[in-house]
Amino acid sequence: MEKTFSRRAALQGVGAVTATMLTSSLSNRIEAADTQIGAALKGRVNHSACRWCYSSIPFEDLCKSAKEIGMQSLELTGPSEWEILKKYDLTSAMGWPEANNWGNGMGLTSCFNNVKNHDALVALYEDLIPKAAKAGIKNLITFSGNRNGLSDEDGLINCKKGLQRIMKTAEKHDVTITMELLNSKVNHKDYQCDHTDWGAALCEMVGSDKFKLLYDIYHMQIMEGDVIATIKKYHQYISHYHTGGVPGRNEIDDSQELYYPAIMKAIVDTGYKGFVGQEFIPAKSDKIASLKQGVLICDV
């Protein structure tokens, strides 16, 4: 019993030291955000941010801040914003239709897994894909929709049928249609594309390298965990990544359970050359400072 207690105490001591070291390392990165503004980023990660997380900031002001940080993209933006991005030498790493263009209640909760949406969705993307290509946008987001009683097998079949109808246009214009993985546990109840293996199976069924997944780290940590191993296993099906602190979807600093430098290193080690989009909701009053922190934390 005495030996067991001593071993346990020693392990607890090692764990405490390790946790302190990790926290200190991440804290140093965060503090560096205030001292490295304007410093060159390492260039191994292409940095983006989701526009909706900074909706209180005028778009052109956000563009200016993004350029000052050294970012290349502001995403989840539509055609009306793409010309403004060009003005600041920025792109949209993940484009989407203008909000009023979805029509008929379609969008995140009702999309490709409902065959009644297919004709309207095909018309939407057949119009949007050439516009994206002309603007230099390489990815367009899409969704599965909610299950609404649909089995996972039938959801796969329905999504495949609809998506295959737009693949020739996507291939012709070199634009990737990217379905987002979202959690159905906390934020998006009943959403169907809520596990990476389901999304990977859909990629195989669609059978085009112009259909891939948006791996949202926040959502998949909540839904299935094992983030680094999952990225290593399924990276060939992923065209884009999103960040977010767990729990709460706020800053990706040492206030949450994920250690983003290790996750980013795993992504880079797969040979990934795309963008990483910051999609946390800043809880601090200085939202741009939080964005700078997130970029520097991810700049491995």
C-alpha atoms as a PDB file:
ATOM      1  CA  MET A   1       0.000   0.000   0.000  1.00  0.00           C
ATOM      2  CA  GLU A   2       2.846   2.363   0.847  1.00  0.00           C
ATOM      3  CA  LYS A   3       4.539   1.762  -2.528  1.00  0.00           C
ATOM      4  CA  THR A   4       1.238   2.217  -4.364  1.00  0.00           C
ATOM      5  CA  PHE A   5       0.586   5.490  -2.580  1.00  0.00           C
ATOM      6  CA  SER A   6       4.082   6.756  -3.329  1.00  0.00           C
ATOM      7  CA  ARG A   7       3.740   5.882  -7.025  1.00  0.00           C
ATOM      8  CA  ARG A   8       0.363   7.604  -7.210  1.00  0.00           C
ATOM      9  CA  ALA A   9       1.739  10.711  -5.535  1.00  0.00           C
ATOM     10  CA  ALA A  10       4.677  10.772  -7.914  1.00  0.00           C
ATOM     11  CA  LEU A  11       2.426  10.447 -10.962  1.00  0.00           C
ATOM     12  CA  GLN A  12       0.203  13.225  -9.679  1.00  0.00           C
ATOM     13  CA  GLY A  13       3.258  15.404  -9.264  1.00  0.00           C
ATOM     14  CA  VAL A  14       4.434  14.698 -12.815  1.00  0.00           C
ATOM     15  CA  GLY A  15       0.954  15.439 -14.147  1.00  0.00           C
ATOM     16  CA  ALA A  16       0.834  18.753 -12.328  1.00  0.00           C
ATOM     17  CA  VAL A  17       4.236  19.767 -13.675  1.00  0.00           C
ATOM     18  CA  THR A  18       3.269  18.762 -17.222  1.00  0.00           C
ATOM     19  CA  ALA A  19       0.006  20.692 -17.064  1.00  0.00           C
ATOM     20  CA  THR A  20       1.867  23.734 -15.773  1.00  0.00           C
ATOM     21  CA  MET A  21       4.381  23.492 -18.616  1.00  0.00           C
ATOM     22  CA  LEU A  22       1.643  23.221 -21.262  1.00  0.00           C
ATOM     23  CA  THR A  23      -0.282  26.123 -19.762  1.00  0.00           C
ATOM     24  CA  SER A  24       2.872  28.210 -19.552  1.00  0.00           C
ATOM     25  CA  SER A  25       3.769  27.439 -23.175  1.00  0.00           C
ATOM     26  CA  LEU A  26       0.318  28.429 -24.428  1.00  0.00           C
ATOM     27  CA  SER A  27       0.241  31.509 -22.201  1.00  0.00           C
ATOM     28  CA  ASN A  28       3.533  32.614 -23.703  1.00  0.00           C
ATOM     29  CA  ARG A  29       2.006  32.341 -27.170  1.00  0.00           C
ATOM     30  CA  ILE A  30      -0.983  34.381 -26.063  1.00  0.00           C
ATOM     31  CA  GLU A  31       1.177  37.086 -24.477  1.00  0.00           C
ATOM     32  CA  ALA A  32       3.181  37.199 -27.682  1.00  0.00           C
ATOM     33  CA  ALA A  33       0.050  38.360 -29.493  1.00  0.00           C
ATOM     34  CA  ASP A  34       0.585  41.829 -28.063  1.00  0.00           C
ATOM     35  CA  THR A  35       4.291  41.981 -28.910  1.00  0.00           C
ATOM     36  CA  GLN A  36       4.390  40.320 -32.325  1.00  0.00           C
ATOM     37  CA  ILE A  37       1.764  42.371 -34.129  1.00  0.00           C
ATOM     38  CA  GLY A  38       2.988  42.824 -37.660  1.00  0.00           C
ATOM     39  CA  ALA A  39       5.670  40.161 -37.242  1.00  0.00           C
ATOM     40  CA  ALA A  40       5.915  37.709 -40.113  1.00  0.00           C
ATOM     41  CA  LEU A  41       3.924  34.522 -39.648  1.00  0.00           C
ATOM     42  CA  LYS A  42       5.692  31.230 -40.281  1.00  0.00           C
ATOM     43  CA  GLY A  43       3.880  30.454 -43.527  1.00  0.00           C
ATOM     44  CA  ARG A  44       3.043  26.828 -42.765  1.00  0.00           C
ATOM     45  CA  VAL A  45      -0.614  27.611 -42.031  1.00  0.00           C
ATOM     46  CA  ASN A  46      -2.923  29.705 -44.208  1.00  0.00           C
ATOM     47  CA  HIS A  47      -4.985  31.813 -41.815  1.00  0.00           C
ATOM     48  CA  SER A  48      -8.640  32.751 -42.189  1.00  0.00           C
ATOM     49  CA  ALA A  49     -11.521  33.862 -39.965  1.00  0.00           C
ATOM     50  CA  CYS A  50     -15.279  33.491 -40.192  1.00  0.00           C
ATOM     51  CA  ARG A  51     -16.933  36.805 -40.845  1.00  0.00           C
ATOM     52  CA  TRP A  52     -20.052  36.050 -38.734  1.00  0.00           C
ATOM     53  CA  CYS A  53     -17.995  35.878 -35.519  1.00  0.00           C
ATOM     54  CA  TYR A  54     -17.119  39.581 -35.981  1.00  0.00           C
ATOM     55  CA  SER A  55     -20.440  40.858 -37.306  1.00  0.00           C
ATOM     56  CA  SER A  56     -20.327  43.867 -34.971  1.00  0.00           C
ATOM     57  CA  ILE A  57     -17.214  45.136 -36.786  1.00  0.00           C
ATOM     58  CA  PRO A  58     -17.738  46.935 -40.128  1.00  0.00           C
ATOM     59  CA  PHE A  59     -16.570  44.627 -42.896  1.00  0.00           C
ATOM     60  CA  GLU A  60     -13.866  46.895 -44.303  1.00  0.00           C
ATOM     61  CA  ASP A  61     -12.480  47.535 -40.816  1.00  0.00           C
ATOM     62  CA  LEU A  62     -12.296  43.778 -40.318  1.00  0.00           C
ATOM     63  CA  CYS A  63     -10.500  43.431 -43.664  1.00  0.00           C
ATOM     64  CA  LYS A  64      -7.909  45.997 -42.569  1.00  0.00           C
ATOM     65  CA  SER A  65      -7.341  44.206 -39.259  1.00  0.00           C
ATOM     66  CA  ALA A  66      -7.008  40.841 -40.997  1.00  0.00           C
ATOM     67  CA  LYS A  67      -4.290  42.238 -43.269  1.00  0.00           C
ATOM     68  CA  GLU A  68      -2.445  43.760 -40.317  1.00  0.00           C
ATOM     69  CA  ILE A  69      -2.433  40.393 -38.563  1.00  0.00           C
ATOM     70  CA  GLY A  70      -1.082  38.708 -41.684  1.00  0.00           C
ATOM     71  CA  MET A  71      -4.180  36.714 -42.590  1.00  0.00           C
ATOM     72  CA  GLN A  72      -5.137  35.840 -46.154  1.00  0.00           C
ATOM     73  CA  SER A  73      -8.886  35.291 -45.882  1.00  0.00           C
ATOM     74  CA  LEU A  74     -12.221  36.230 -44.362  1.00  0.00           C
ATOM     75  CA  GLU A  75     -14.613  33.395 -45.018  1.00  0.00           C
ATOM     76  CA  LEU A  76     -18.280  32.480 -45.003  1.00  0.00           C
ATOM     77  CA  THR A  77     -18.687  35.474 -47.246  1.00  0.00           C
ATOM     78  CA  GLY A  78     -20.825  35.757 -50.359  1.00  0.00           C
ATOM     79  CA  PRO A  79     -20.430  37.274 -53.825  1.00  0.00           C
ATOM     80  CA  SER A  80     -21.300  40.800 -52.713  1.00  0.00           C
ATOM     81  CA  GLU A  81     -18.328  40.759 -50.329  1.00  0.00           C
ATOM     82  CA  TRP A  82     -15.784  39.079 -52.595  1.00  0.00           C
ATOM     83  CA  GLU A  83     -14.989  42.290 -54.470  1.00  0.00           C
ATOM     84  CA  ILE A  84     -14.343  44.091 -51.186  1.00  0.00           C
ATOM     85  CA  LEU A  85     -11.957  41.319 -50.150  1.00  0.00           C
ATOM     86  CA  LYS A  86      -9.995  41.815 -53.377  1.00  0.00           C
ATOM     87  CA  LYS A  87      -9.542  45.477 -52.496  1.00  0.00           C
ATOM     88  CA  TYR A  88      -7.555  44.350 -49.444  1.00  0.00           C
ATOM     89  CA  ASP A  89      -5.743  41.513 -51.221  1.00  0.00           C
ATOM     90  CA  LEU A  90      -7.788  38.945 -49.301  1.00  0.00           C
ATOM     91  CA  THR A  91      -9.739  35.919 -50.449  1.00  0.00           C
ATOM     92  CA  SER A  92     -12.640  33.904 -49.052  1.00  0.00           C
ATOM     93  CA  ALA A  93     -11.315  30.487 -48.057  1.00  0.00           C
ATOM     94  CA  MET A  94     -14.907  29.236 -47.805  1.00  0.00           C
ATOM     95  CA  GLY A  95     -17.594  30.947 -49.848  1.00  0.00           C
ATOM     96  CA  TRP A  96     -21.318  30.595 -49.481  1.00  0.00           C
ATOM     97  CA  PRO A  97     -24.515  31.883 -51.102  1.00  0.00           C
ATOM     98  CA  GLU A  98     -25.885  35.217 -50.025  1.00  0.00           C
ATOM     99  CA  ALA A  99     -28.279  34.602 -47.149  1.00  0.00           C
ATOM    100  CA  ASN A 100     -31.373  35.459 -49.183  1.00  0.00           C
ATOM    101  CA  ASN A 101     -30.359  33.142 -52.036  1.00  0.00           C
ATOM    102  CA  TRP A 102     -30.990  29.833 -50.262  1.00  0.00           C
ATOM    103  CA  GLY A 103     -34.738  30.145 -50.682  1.00  0.00           C
ATOM    104  CA  ASN A 104     -37.603  27.872 -49.654  1.00  0.00           C
ATOM    105  CA  GLY A 105     -36.279  27.431 -46.110  1.00  0.00           C
ATOM    106  CA  MET A 106     -33.151  25.643 -47.305  1.00  0.00           C
ATOM    107  CA  GLY A 107     -29.848  25.928 -45.502  1.00  0.00           C
ATOM    108  CA  LEU A 108     -28.193  24.226 -42.578  1.00  0.00           C
ATOM    109  CA  THR A 109     -31.280  22.354 -41.349  1.00  0.00           C
ATOM    110  CA  SER A 110     -32.739  21.475 -44.753  1.00  0.00           C
ATOM    111  CA  CYS A 111     -30.287  20.687 -47.502  1.00  0.00           C
ATOM    112  CA  PHE A 112     -28.978  17.810 -49.635  1.00  0.00           C
ATOM    113  CA  ASN A 113     -30.421  14.916 -47.604  1.00  0.00           C
ATOM    114  CA  ASN A 114     -33.920  16.050 -48.616  1.00  0.00           C
ATOM    115  CA  VAL A 115     -34.555  15.118 -52.259  1.00  0.00           C
ATOM    116  CA  LYS A 116     -37.279  17.774 -52.490  1.00  0.00           C
ATOM    117  CA  ASN A 117     -34.485  20.382 -52.257  1.00  0.00           C
ATOM    118  CA  HIS A 118     -32.332  18.969 -55.058  1.00  0.00           C
ATOM    119  CA  ASP A 119     -33.628  20.948 -58.022  1.00  0.00           C
ATOM    120  CA  ALA A 120     -33.361  24.250 -56.133  1.00  0.00           C
ATOM    121  CA  LEU A 121     -29.936  23.371 -54.726  1.00  0.00           C
ATOM    122  CA  VAL A 122     -28.610  22.366 -58.124  1.00  0.00           C
ATOM    123  CA  ALA A 123     -29.810  25.668 -59.586  1.00  0.00           C
ATOM    124  CA  LEU A 124     -28.228  27.560 -56.690  1.00  0.00           C
ATOM    125  CA  TYR A 125     -24.805  25.924 -56.998  1.00  0.00           C
ATOM    126  CA  GLU A 126     -24.779  25.853 -60.801  1.00  0.00           C
ATOM    127  CA  ASP A 127     -25.093  29.638 -60.617  1.00  0.00           C
ATOM    128  CA  LEU A 128     -22.680  30.117 -57.691  1.00  0.00           C
ATOM    129  CA  ILE A 129     -19.824  27.841 -58.771  1.00  0.00           C
ATOM    130  CA  PRO A 130     -18.820  29.873 -61.888  1.00  0.00           C
ATOM    131  CA  LYS A 131     -19.052  33.090 -59.863  1.00  0.00           C
ATOM    132  CA  ALA A 132     -16.767  31.620 -57.215  1.00  0.00           C
ATOM    133  CA  ALA A 133     -14.263  30.448 -59.814  1.00  0.00           C
ATOM    134  CA  LYS A 134     -14.192  33.899 -61.429  1.00  0.00           C
ATOM    135  CA  ALA A 135     -13.482  35.454 -58.018  1.00  0.00           C
ATOM    136  CA  GLY A 136     -10.756  32.909 -57.236  1.00  0.00           C
ATOM    137  CA  ILE A 137     -12.815  31.206 -54.518  1.00  0.00           C
ATOM    138  CA  LYS A 138     -11.835  27.542 -54.239  1.00  0.00           C
ATOM    139  CA  ASN A 139     -14.337  26.213 -51.678  1.00  0.00           C
ATOM    140  CA  LEU A 140     -18.098  26.557 -51.306  1.00  0.00           C
ATOM    141  CA  ILE A 141     -19.833  25.351 -48.170  1.00  0.00           C
ATOM    142  CA  THR A 142     -22.842  23.065 -48.060  1.00  0.00           C
ATOM    143  CA  PHE A 143     -24.729  21.021 -45.468  1.00  0.00           C
ATOM    144  CA  SER A 144     -26.481  17.701 -45.075  1.00  0.00           C
ATOM    145  CA  GLY A 145     -29.581  19.039 -43.359  1.00  0.00           C
ATOM    146  CA  ASN A 146     -31.343  17.544 -40.334  1.00  0.00           C
ATOM    147  CA  ARG A 147     -32.370  13.892 -40.209  1.00  0.00           C
ATOM    148  CA  ASN A 148     -36.080  14.446 -39.561  1.00  0.00           C
ATOM    149  CA  GLY A 149     -36.468  10.688 -39.137  1.00  0.00           C
ATOM    150  CA  LEU A 150     -34.219   9.801 -42.088  1.00  0.00           C
ATOM    151  CA  SER A 151     -31.808   6.907 -41.499  1.00  0.00           C
ATOM    152  CA  ASP A 152     -28.093   7.533 -41.925  1.00  0.00           C
ATOM    153  CA  GLU A 153     -28.065   5.154 -44.904  1.00  0.00           C
ATOM    154  CA  ASP A 154     -30.909   6.948 -46.674  1.00  0.00           C
ATOM    155  CA  GLY A 155     -29.311  10.284 -45.842  1.00  0.00           C
ATOM    156  CA  LEU A 156     -26.124   9.176 -47.578  1.00  0.00           C
ATOM    157  CA  ILE A 157     -28.032   8.016 -50.644  1.00  0.00           C
ATOM    158  CA  ASN A 158     -30.051  11.226 -50.890  1.00  0.00           C
ATOM    159  CA  CYS A 159     -27.015  13.477 -50.465  1.00  0.00           C
ATOM    160  CA  LYS A 160     -25.089  11.493 -53.063  1.00  0.00           C
ATOM    161  CA  LYS A 161     -27.854  11.828 -55.645  1.00  0.00           C
ATOM    162  CA  GLY A 162     -28.060  15.579 -55.251  1.00  0.00           C
ATOM    163  CA  LEU A 163     -24.341  16.293 -54.988  1.00  0.00           C
ATOM    164  CA  GLN A 164     -23.429  14.219 -58.021  1.00  0.00           C
ATOM    165  CA  ARG A 165     -25.629  16.500 -60.115  1.00  0.00           C
ATOM    166  CA  ILE A 166     -23.269  19.453 -59.499  1.00  0.00           C
ATOM    167  CA  MET A 167     -19.930  17.649 -59.588  1.00  0.00           C
ATOM    168  CA  LYS A 168     -19.296  18.151 -63.318  1.00  0.00           C
ATOM    169  CA  THR A 169     -19.658  21.893 -62.889  1.00  0.00           C
ATOM    170  CA  ALA A 170     -17.468  21.859 -59.776  1.00  0.00           C
ATOM    171  CA  GLU A 171     -14.806  19.843 -61.589  1.00  0.00           C
ATOM    172  CA  LYS A 172     -14.954  22.087 -64.664  1.00  0.00           C
ATOM    173  CA  HIS A 173     -14.388  25.214 -62.561  1.00  0.00           C
ATOM    174  CA  ASP A 174     -11.990  23.655 -60.005  1.00  0.00           C
ATOM    175  CA  VAL A 175     -14.230  24.532 -57.060  1.00  0.00           C
ATOM    176  CA  THR A 176     -14.647  22.136 -54.129  1.00  0.00           C
ATOM    177  CA  ILE A 177     -18.094  21.677 -52.600  1.00  0.00           C
ATOM    178  CA  THR A 178     -17.418  21.221 -48.893  1.00  0.00           C
ATOM    179  CA  MET A 179     -19.922  19.768 -46.423  1.00  0.00           C
ATOM    180  CA  GLU A 180     -19.511  20.892 -42.843  1.00  0.00           C
ATOM    181  CA  LEU A 181     -19.344  18.423 -39.970  1.00  0.00           C
ATOM    182  CA  LEU A 182     -21.408  19.800 -37.051  1.00  0.00           C
ATOM    183  CA  ASN A 183     -22.285  18.452 -33.626  1.00  0.00           C
ATOM    184  CA  SER A 184     -25.871  17.336 -33.049  1.00  0.00           C
ATOM    185  CA  LYS A 185     -25.320  17.100 -29.296  1.00  0.00           C
ATOM    186  CA  VAL A 186     -25.178  20.764 -28.248  1.00  0.00           C
ATOM    187  CA  ASN A 187     -25.582  23.229 -31.103  1.00  0.00           C
ATOM    188  CA  HIS A 188     -27.362  21.608 -34.048  1.00  0.00           C
ATOM    189  CA  LYS A 189     -29.841  19.026 -32.828  1.00  0.00           C
ATOM    190  CA  ASP A 190     -30.673  16.315 -35.376  1.00  0.00           C
ATOM    191  CA  TYR A 191     -28.048  17.449 -37.954  1.00  0.00           C
ATOM    192  CA  GLN A 192     -27.071  14.414 -40.010  1.00  0.00           C
ATOM    193  CA  CYS A 193     -23.439  14.991 -41.024  1.00  0.00           C
ATOM    194  CA  ASP A 194     -22.317  14.816 -37.397  1.00  0.00           C
ATOM    195  CA  HIS A 195     -19.585  12.151 -37.544  1.00  0.00           C
ATOM    196  CA  THR A 196     -16.433  12.092 -39.624  1.00  0.00           C
ATOM    197  CA  ASP A 197     -16.905   8.495 -40.769  1.00  0.00           C
ATOM    198  CA  TRP A 198     -20.365   9.355 -42.151  1.00  0.00           C
ATOM    199  CA  GLY A 199     -18.881  12.292 -44.068  1.00  0.00           C
ATOM    200  CA  ALA A 200     -15.998  10.163 -45.367  1.00  0.00           C
ATOM    201  CA  ALA A 201     -18.472   7.525 -46.571  1.00  0.00           C
ATOM    202  CA  LEU A 202     -20.362  10.244 -48.458  1.00  0.00           C
ATOM    203  CA  CYS A 203     -17.123  11.425 -50.092  1.00  0.00           C
ATOM    204  CA  GLU A 204     -16.513   7.886 -51.332  1.00  0.00           C
ATOM    205  CA  MET A 205     -20.059   7.605 -52.647  1.00  0.00           C
ATOM    206  CA  VAL A 206     -19.970  10.948 -54.485  1.00  0.00           C
ATOM    207  CA  GLY A 207     -16.692   9.857 -56.080  1.00  0.00           C
ATOM    208  CA  SER A 208     -15.211  13.253 -56.963  1.00  0.00           C
ATOM    209  CA  ASP A 209     -12.199  15.037 -55.517  1.00  0.00           C
ATOM    210  CA  LYS A 210     -14.307  18.204 -55.733  1.00  0.00           C
ATOM    211  CA  PHE A 211     -16.480  17.062 -52.850  1.00  0.00           C
ATOM    212  CA  LYS A 212     -14.890  17.061 -49.407  1.00  0.00           C
ATOM    213  CA  LEU A 213     -15.499  17.860 -45.748  1.00  0.00           C
ATOM    214  CA  LEU A 214     -15.117  20.853 -43.486  1.00  0.00           C
ATOM    215  CA  TYR A 215     -13.703  19.398 -40.277  1.00  0.00           C
ATOM    216  CA  ASP A 216     -14.829  21.736 -37.502  1.00  0.00           C
ATOM    217  CA  ILE A 217     -12.562  20.950 -34.543  1.00  0.00           C
ATOM    218  CA  TYR A 218     -14.954  22.453 -32.007  1.00  0.00           C
ATOM    219  CA  HIS A 219     -17.919  20.443 -33.258  1.00  0.00           C
ATOM    220  CA  MET A 220     -16.048  17.170 -33.614  1.00  0.00           C
ATOM    221  CA  GLN A 221     -14.432  17.432 -30.170  1.00  0.00           C
ATOM    222  CA  ILE A 222     -17.949  17.611 -28.729  1.00  0.00           C
ATOM    223  CA  MET A 223     -19.326  14.875 -30.974  1.00  0.00           C
ATOM    224  CA  GLU A 224     -16.584  12.256 -31.104  1.00  0.00           C
ATOM    225  CA  GLY A 225     -13.306  13.529 -29.599  1.00  0.00           C
ATOM    226  CA  ASP A 226     -10.016  11.868 -30.570  1.00  0.00           C
ATOM    227  CA  VAL A 227      -9.327  14.874 -32.805  1.00  0.00           C
ATOM    228  CA  ILE A 228      -5.709  14.278 -33.833  1.00  0.00           C
ATOM    229  CA  ALA A 229      -6.184  10.568 -34.582  1.00  0.00           C
ATOM    230  CA  THR A 230      -9.313  11.351 -36.606  1.00  0.00           C
ATOM    231  CA  ILE A 231      -7.511  14.017 -38.636  1.00  0.00           C
ATOM    232  CA  LYS A 232      -4.692  11.588 -39.392  1.00  0.00           C
ATOM    233  CA  LYS A 233      -7.157   8.874 -40.450  1.00  0.00           C
ATOM    234  CA  TYR A 234      -9.482  10.987 -42.606  1.00  0.00           C
ATOM    235  CA  HIS A 235      -7.364  13.934 -43.779  1.00  0.00           C
ATOM    236  CA  GLN A 236      -7.699  12.955 -47.450  1.00  0.00           C
ATOM    237  CA  TYR A 237     -11.411  13.772 -47.246  1.00  0.00           C
ATOM    238  CA  ILE A 238     -10.933  17.187 -45.602  1.00  0.00           C
ATOM    239  CA  SER A 239     -10.600  20.439 -47.560  1.00  0.00           C
ATOM    240  CA  HIS A 240     -10.960  22.910 -44.696  1.00  0.00           C
ATOM    241  CA  TYR A 241     -10.707  23.260 -40.904  1.00  0.00           C
ATOM    242  CA  HIS A 242     -12.458  25.450 -38.331  1.00  0.00           C
ATOM    243  CA  THR A 243     -11.363  26.246 -34.773  1.00  0.00           C
ATOM    244  CA  GLY A 244     -13.285  26.954 -31.584  1.00  0.00           C
ATOM    245  CA  GLY A 245     -12.727  26.606 -27.853  1.00  0.00           C
ATOM    246  CA  VAL A 246     -14.369  23.703 -26.026  1.00  0.00           C
ATOM    247  CA  PRO A 247     -16.522  24.171 -24.027  1.00  0.00           C
ATOM    248  CA  GLY A 248     -18.276  27.385 -24.995  1.00  0.00           C
ATOM    249  CA  ARG A 249     -16.909  28.052 -28.496  1.00  0.00           C
ATOM    250  CA  ASN A 250     -14.885  31.006 -27.271  1.00  0.00           C
ATOM    251  CA  GLU A 251     -11.163  31.830 -27.407  1.00  0.00           C
ATOM    252  CA  ILE A 252      -8.803  28.930 -28.168  1.00  0.00           C
ATOM    253  CA  ASP A 253      -6.448  29.880 -25.333  1.00  0.00           C
ATOM    254  CA  ASP A 254      -5.695  28.022 -22.081  1.00  0.00           C
ATOM    255  CA  SER A 255      -9.253  28.575 -20.825  1.00  0.00           C
ATOM    256  CA  GLN A 256     -10.483  25.503 -22.729  1.00  0.00           C
ATOM    257  CA  GLU A 257      -9.711  21.810 -23.060  1.00  0.00           C
ATOM    258  CA  LEU A 258      -8.051  21.593 -26.490  1.00  0.00           C
ATOM    259  CA  TYR A 259      -4.354  22.264 -27.097  1.00  0.00           C
ATOM    260  CA  TYR A 260      -4.425  23.836 -30.535  1.00  0.00           C
ATOM    261  CA  PRO A 261      -0.665  23.959 -31.268  1.00  0.00           C
ATOM    262  CA  ALA A 262      -0.578  20.139 -31.229  1.00  0.00           C
ATOM    263  CA  ILE A 263      -3.704  19.914 -33.388  1.00  0.00           C
ATOM    264  CA  MET A 264      -2.270  22.377 -35.915  1.00  0.00           C
ATOM    265  CA  LYS A 265       1.013  20.470 -36.048  1.00  0.00           C
ATOM    266  CA  ALA A 266      -0.924  17.272 -36.792  1.00  0.00           C
ATOM    267  CA  ILE A 267      -2.789  19.040 -39.611  1.00  0.00           C
ATOM    268  CA  VAL A 268       0.420  20.430 -41.117  1.00  0.00           C
ATOM    269  CA  ASP A 269       2.088  17.010 -40.839  1.00  0.00           C
ATOM    270  CA  THR A 270      -0.605  15.503 -43.112  1.00  0.00           C
ATOM    271  CA  GLY A 271       0.640  17.768 -45.906  1.00  0.00           C
ATOM    272  CA  TYR A 272      -2.435  19.998 -45.745  1.00  0.00           C
ATOM    273  CA  LYS A 273      -2.028  23.211 -47.790  1.00  0.00           C
ATOM    274  CA  GLY A 274      -5.480  24.736 -47.346  1.00  0.00           C
ATOM    275  CA  PHE A 275      -6.822  27.243 -44.832  1.00  0.00           C
ATOM    276  CA  VAL A 276      -7.612  27.112 -41.131  1.00  0.00           C
ATOM    277  CA  GLY A 277     -10.574  29.331 -40.280  1.00  0.00           C
ATOM    278  CA  GLN A 278     -10.942  30.820 -36.795  1.00  0.00           C
ATOM    279  CA  GLU A 279     -14.591  30.263 -35.861  1.00  0.00           C
ATOM    280  CA  PHE A 280     -14.624  30.998 -32.173  1.00  0.00           C
ATOM    281  CA  ILE A 281     -16.922  33.665 -30.743  1.00  0.00           C
ATOM    282  CA  PRO A 282     -14.735  36.176 -28.896  1.00  0.00           C
ATOM    283  CA  ALA A 283     -15.790  36.502 -25.261  1.00  0.00           C
ATOM    284  CA  LYS A 284     -13.336  39.314 -24.561  1.00  0.00           C
ATOM    285  CA  SER A 285     -14.187  42.912 -25.334  1.00  0.00           C
ATOM    286  CA  ASP A 286     -11.262  43.371 -27.749  1.00  0.00           C
ATOM    287  CA  LYS A 287     -12.352  40.955 -30.460  1.00  0.00           C
ATOM    288  CA  ILE A 288      -9.426  41.761 -32.772  1.00  0.00           C
ATOM    289  CA  ALA A 289      -6.934  41.014 -29.978  1.00  0.00           C
ATOM    290  CA  SER A 290      -8.621  37.636 -29.519  1.00  0.00           C
ATOM    291  CA  LEU A 291      -8.353  36.985 -33.252  1.00  0.00           C
ATOM    292  CA  LYS A 292      -4.642  37.833 -33.170  1.00  0.00           C
ATOM    293  CA  GLN A 293      -4.207  35.395 -30.297  1.00  0.00           C
ATOM    294  CA  GLY A 294      -5.965  32.645 -32.212  1.00  0.00           C
ATOM    295  CA  VAL A 295      -3.821  33.154 -35.296  1.00  0.00           C
ATOM    296  CA  LEU A 296      -0.587  33.129 -33.330  1.00  0.00           C
ATOM    297  CA  ILE A 297      -1.602  30.042 -31.352  1.00  0.00           C
ATOM    298  CA  CYS A 298      -2.296  28.215 -34.625  1.00  0.00           C
ATOM    299  CA  ASP A 299       0.809  29.485 -36.422  1.00  0.00           C
ATOM    300  CA  VAL A 300       2.974  26.412 -35.808  1.00  0.00           C
END
